[in-house]
């Protein structure tokens, strides 16, 4: 998905503001219950497009649902 497609997608969801963070090869999307590891994409910092290409970093962006409990 390129930035124009992302903008359209977010507009369709009703978003009025968005922030594009670094989407480099080691960026990782984790989702509770997605699979055994929770990794939903293929970080490719190791150039193999497997779930082993992520880097160990000390920062994260966490999104949780309010009002109905934690995801």
C-alpha atoms as a PDB file:
ATOM      1  CA  UNK A   1       0.000   0.000   0.000  1.00  0.00           C
ATOM      2  CA  UNK A   2       1.507   3.345  -0.983  1.00  0.00           C
ATOM      3  CA  UNK A   3       0.865   6.645   0.825  1.00  0.00           C
ATOM      4  CA  UNK A   4      -1.972   7.710  -1.484  1.00  0.00           C
ATOM      5  CA  UNK A   5      -3.716   4.354  -0.974  1.00  0.00           C
ATOM      6  CA  UNK A   6      -3.144   4.646   2.773  1.00  0.00           C
ATOM      7  CA  UNK A   7      -4.672   8.131   2.799  1.00  0.00           C
ATOM      8  CA  UNK A   8      -7.754   6.867   0.953  1.00  0.00           C
ATOM      9  CA  UNK A   9      -8.088   3.855   3.268  1.00  0.00           C
ATOM     10  CA  UNK A  10      -7.881   6.008   6.390  1.00  0.00           C
ATOM     11  CA  UNK A  11     -10.396   8.491   4.966  1.00  0.00           C
ATOM     12  CA  UNK A  12     -12.796   5.614   4.332  1.00  0.00           C
ATOM     13  CA  UNK A  13     -12.413   4.648   8.002  1.00  0.00           C
ATOM     14  CA  UNK A  14     -13.372   8.196   8.999  1.00  0.00           C
ATOM     15  CA  UNK A  15      -9.925   9.353  10.090  1.00  0.00           C
ATOM     16  CA  UNK A  16      -9.269  13.081   9.949  1.00  0.00           C
ATOM     17  CA  UNK A  17      -5.665  12.991  11.213  1.00  0.00           C
ATOM     18  CA  UNK A  18      -2.923  10.427  10.684  1.00  0.00           C
ATOM     19  CA  UNK A  19       0.792  10.017  11.268  1.00  0.00           C
ATOM     20  CA  UNK A  20       3.054   8.051   8.938  1.00  0.00           C
ATOM     21  CA  UNK A  21       5.836   6.361  10.908  1.00  0.00           C
ATOM     22  CA  UNK A  22       8.942   4.724   9.472  1.00  0.00           C
ATOM     23  CA  UNK A  23       7.922   1.655   7.508  1.00  0.00           C
ATOM     24  CA  UNK A  24      11.411   0.247   7.061  1.00  0.00           C
ATOM     25  CA  UNK A  25      12.235  -3.411   6.597  1.00  0.00           C
ATOM     26  CA  UNK A  26      12.311  -4.200  10.298  1.00  0.00           C
ATOM     27  CA  UNK A  27       8.969  -2.543  11.111  1.00  0.00           C
ATOM     28  CA  UNK A  28       6.753  -5.107  12.788  1.00  0.00           C
ATOM     29  CA  UNK A  29       2.967  -5.293  13.180  1.00  0.00           C
ATOM     30  CA  UNK A  30       1.922  -7.387  16.158  1.00  0.00           C
ATOM     31  CA  UNK A  31      -1.736  -8.274  16.737  1.00  0.00           C
ATOM     32  CA  UNK A  32      -3.059 -10.304  19.646  1.00  0.00           C
ATOM     33  CA  UNK A  33      -4.367 -13.643  18.411  1.00  0.00           C
ATOM     34  CA  UNK A  34      -3.163 -13.159  14.824  1.00  0.00           C
ATOM     35  CA  UNK A  35      -1.069 -16.330  14.928  1.00  0.00           C
ATOM     36  CA  UNK A  36       1.200 -18.133  17.399  1.00  0.00           C
ATOM     37  CA  UNK A  37       3.779 -15.330  17.445  1.00  0.00           C
ATOM     38  CA  UNK A  38       1.349 -12.443  16.908  1.00  0.00           C
ATOM     39  CA  UNK A  39       3.528 -11.049  14.102  1.00  0.00           C
ATOM     40  CA  UNK A  40       1.134 -10.078  11.285  1.00  0.00           C
ATOM     41  CA  UNK A  41       3.650  -8.983   8.660  1.00  0.00           C
ATOM     42  CA  UNK A  42       7.025 -10.141   7.387  1.00  0.00           C
ATOM     43  CA  UNK A  43       9.806  -7.881   8.699  1.00  0.00           C
ATOM     44  CA  UNK A  44      12.530  -8.216   6.083  1.00  0.00           C
ATOM     45  CA  UNK A  45      15.610  -6.804   7.763  1.00  0.00           C
ATOM     46  CA  UNK A  46      17.234 -10.204   7.201  1.00  0.00           C
ATOM     47  CA  UNK A  47      16.221 -10.156   3.477  1.00  0.00           C
ATOM     48  CA  UNK A  48      14.296 -13.452   3.812  1.00  0.00           C
ATOM     49  CA  UNK A  49      10.700 -12.169   4.252  1.00  0.00           C
ATOM     50  CA  UNK A  50      10.064 -14.453   7.196  1.00  0.00           C
ATOM     51  CA  UNK A  51       9.023 -13.588  10.744  1.00  0.00           C
ATOM     52  CA  UNK A  52      12.662 -13.480  11.886  1.00  0.00           C
ATOM     53  CA  UNK A  53      13.691 -10.176  10.249  1.00  0.00           C
ATOM     54  CA  UNK A  54      12.645  -7.836  13.041  1.00  0.00           C
ATOM     55  CA  UNK A  55      15.153  -5.808  15.078  1.00  0.00           C
ATOM     56  CA  UNK A  56      15.176  -5.523  18.831  1.00  0.00           C
ATOM     57  CA  UNK A  57      14.223  -1.915  19.578  1.00  0.00           C
ATOM     58  CA  UNK A  58      13.159  -0.042  22.668  1.00  0.00           C
ATOM     59  CA  UNK A  59      10.137   1.801  21.295  1.00  0.00           C
ATOM     60  CA  UNK A  60       6.616   0.940  20.224  1.00  0.00           C
ATOM     61  CA  UNK A  61       3.254   2.432  19.390  1.00  0.00           C
ATOM     62  CA  UNK A  62       0.425   0.673  21.205  1.00  0.00           C
ATOM     63  CA  UNK A  63      -3.234   0.992  20.242  1.00  0.00           C
ATOM     64  CA  UNK A  64      -5.933  -0.350  22.554  1.00  0.00           C
ATOM     65  CA  UNK A  65      -9.703  -0.242  22.481  1.00  0.00           C
ATOM     66  CA  UNK A  66     -11.294   1.878  25.192  1.00  0.00           C
ATOM     67  CA  UNK A  67     -14.539   1.013  26.934  1.00  0.00           C
ATOM     68  CA  UNK A  68     -14.655  -2.686  26.092  1.00  0.00           C
ATOM     69  CA  UNK A  69     -11.437  -3.849  27.689  1.00  0.00           C
ATOM     70  CA  UNK A  70      -7.959  -4.329  26.341  1.00  0.00           C
ATOM     71  CA  UNK A  71      -7.649  -6.108  22.995  1.00  0.00           C
END
